[in-house]
C-alpha atoms as a PDB file:
ATOM      1  CA  MET A   1      41.551  51.903 -24.855  1.00  0.00           C
ATOM      2  CA  ALA A   2      38.673  49.400 -24.378  1.00  0.00           C
ATOM      3  CA  GLY A   3      36.153  52.229 -23.692  1.00  0.00           C
ATOM      4  CA  VAL A   4      35.430  50.617 -20.208  1.00  0.00           C
ATOM      5  CA  VAL A   5      34.408  53.110 -17.483  1.00  0.00           C
ATOM      6  CA  LEU A   6      34.493  52.093 -13.924  1.00  0.00           C
ATOM      7  CA  ASP A   7      33.189  53.964 -10.971  1.00  0.00           C
ATOM      8  CA  ALA A   8      36.023  54.177  -8.498  1.00  0.00           C
ATOM      9  CA  THR A   9      34.107  56.379  -5.979  1.00  0.00           C
ATOM     10  CA  ALA A  10      33.851  53.751  -3.309  1.00  0.00           C
ATOM     11  CA  LEU A  11      37.490  52.699  -3.695  1.00  0.00           C
ATOM     12  CA  ARG A  12      38.758  56.258  -3.278  1.00  0.00           C
ATOM     13  CA  LYS A  13      36.547  56.650  -0.219  1.00  0.00           C
ATOM     14  CA  ALA A  14      37.932  53.525   1.182  1.00  0.00           C
ATOM     15  CA  ALA A  15      41.510  54.430   0.493  1.00  0.00           C
ATOM     16  CA  ASP A  16      40.919  57.910   2.122  1.00  0.00           C
ATOM     17  CA  ASP A  17      39.452  56.268   5.035  1.00  0.00           C
ATOM     18  CA  ALA A  18      42.335  53.936   5.580  1.00  0.00           C
ATOM     19  CA  ARG A  19      44.895  56.692   4.960  1.00  0.00           C
ATOM     20  CA  SER A  20      43.212  58.760   7.610  1.00  0.00           C
ATOM     21  CA  ARG A  21      43.088  55.816   9.982  1.00  0.00           C
ATOM     22  CA  VAL A  22      46.831  54.960   9.541  1.00  0.00           C
ATOM     23  CA  ASN A  23      47.617  58.827  10.093  1.00  0.00           C
ATOM     24  CA  GLU A  24      45.655  58.703  13.398  1.00  0.00           C
ATOM     25  CA  LEU A  25      47.267  55.558  14.569  1.00  0.00           C
ATOM     26  CA  VAL A  26      50.684  56.733  13.753  1.00  0.00           C
ATOM     27  CA  GLY A  27      50.203  60.143  15.024  1.00  0.00           C
ATOM     28  CA  SER A  28      48.940  58.916  18.378  1.00  0.00           C
ATOM     29  CA  ASN A  29      51.904  56.544  19.123  1.00  0.00           C
ATOM     30  CA  PRO A  30      55.450  58.096  19.517  1.00  0.00           C
ATOM     31  CA  GLU A  31      56.917  54.697  18.582  1.00  0.00           C
ATOM     32  CA  HIS A  32      55.073  54.415  15.407  1.00  0.00           C
ATOM     33  CA  ALA A  33      55.939  58.079  14.417  1.00  0.00           C
ATOM     34  CA  LYS A  34      59.560  57.312  14.991  1.00  0.00           C
ATOM     35  CA  MET A  35      59.372  54.099  12.904  1.00  0.00           C
ATOM     36  CA  VAL A  36      57.879  56.147   9.958  1.00  0.00           C
ATOM     37  CA  ALA A  37      60.387  58.935  10.316  1.00  0.00           C
ATOM     38  CA  ASP A  38      63.203  56.182  10.388  1.00  0.00           C
ATOM     39  CA  LEU A  39      61.786  54.648   7.212  1.00  0.00           C
ATOM     40  CA  GLU A  40      61.464  57.977   5.518  1.00  0.00           C
ATOM     41  CA  ALA A  41      65.108  58.913   6.400  1.00  0.00           C
ATOM     42  CA  THR A  42      66.248  55.419   5.130  1.00  0.00           C
ATOM     43  CA  ILE A  43      64.621  55.968   1.765  1.00  0.00           C
ATOM     44  CA  ASP A  44      66.019  59.489   1.542  1.00  0.00           C
ATOM     45  CA  GLU A  45      69.519  58.071   2.065  1.00  0.00           C
ATOM     46  CA  ALA A  46      69.097  55.347  -0.427  1.00  0.00           C
ATOM     47  CA  GLU A  47      67.429  57.425  -3.132  1.00  0.00           C
ATOM     48  CA  GLY A  48      69.040  60.665  -2.461  1.00  0.00           C
ATOM     49  CA  ASN A  49      67.487  63.995  -3.224  1.00  0.00           C
ATOM     50  CA  ALA A  50      65.704  63.209  -6.568  1.00  0.00           C
ATOM     51  CA  LEU A  51      64.749  66.795  -7.221  1.00  0.00           C
ATOM     52  CA  ASN A  52      68.081  68.099  -6.106  1.00  0.00           C
ATOM     53  CA  THR A  53      66.466  70.648  -3.893  1.00  0.00           C
ATOM     54  CA  SER A  54      67.239  71.601  -0.226  1.00  0.00           C
ATOM     55  CA  VAL A  55      64.159  73.767   0.149  1.00  0.00           C
ATOM     56  CA  ILE A  56      60.779  73.651  -1.451  1.00  0.00           C
ATOM     57  CA  PRO A  57      59.844  77.060  -3.193  1.00  0.00           C
ATOM     58  CA  THR A  58      56.947  78.824  -2.077  1.00  0.00           C
ATOM     59  CA  GLY A  59      53.900  79.644  -4.179  1.00  0.00           C
ATOM     60  CA  GLU A  60      55.155  83.065  -4.538  1.00  0.00           C
ATOM     61  CA  ASP A  61      58.540  82.009  -5.673  1.00  0.00           C
ATOM     62  CA  LEU A  62      56.932  79.639  -8.169  1.00  0.00           C
ATOM     63  CA  ALA A  63      54.728  82.482  -9.535  1.00  0.00           C
ATOM     64  CA  ARG A  64      57.549  84.921  -9.927  1.00  0.00           C
ATOM     65  CA  ASP A  65      59.653  82.167 -11.835  1.00  0.00           C
ATOM     66  CA  ILE A  66      56.645  81.353 -14.121  1.00  0.00           C
ATOM     67  CA  GLU A  67      56.107  85.031 -14.839  1.00  0.00           C
ATOM     68  CA  ARG A  68      59.805  85.534 -15.635  1.00  0.00           C
ATOM     69  CA  PHE A  69      59.696  82.587 -17.835  1.00  0.00           C
ATOM     70  CA  LEU A  70      56.560  83.880 -19.637  1.00  0.00           C
ATOM     71  CA  ARG A  71      58.192  87.281 -20.302  1.00  0.00           C
ATOM     72  CA  GLY A  72      61.267  85.343 -21.756  1.00  0.00           C
ATOM     73  CA  GLU A  73      63.558  86.414 -18.963  1.00  0.00           C
ATOM     74  CA  GLU A  74      64.658  82.844 -18.221  1.00  0.00           C
ATOM     75  CA  THR A  75      67.960  82.515 -16.224  1.00  0.00           C
END
């Protein structure tokens, strides 16, 4: 909108570094890993299954569905 261009390369690198460090810390401490798992379960319970899926489809499943759609064979 304003035509301002910002270089966020350093910010992206810092975010990636921070994410990696948190993953290392959580992964190396069973207590932290359990806390994260409990938080994720609590969010899942509160928000439900937003995509209404029990299993994420494979890439092959998605490709087959897209091909079927493009051929006009929608179900």
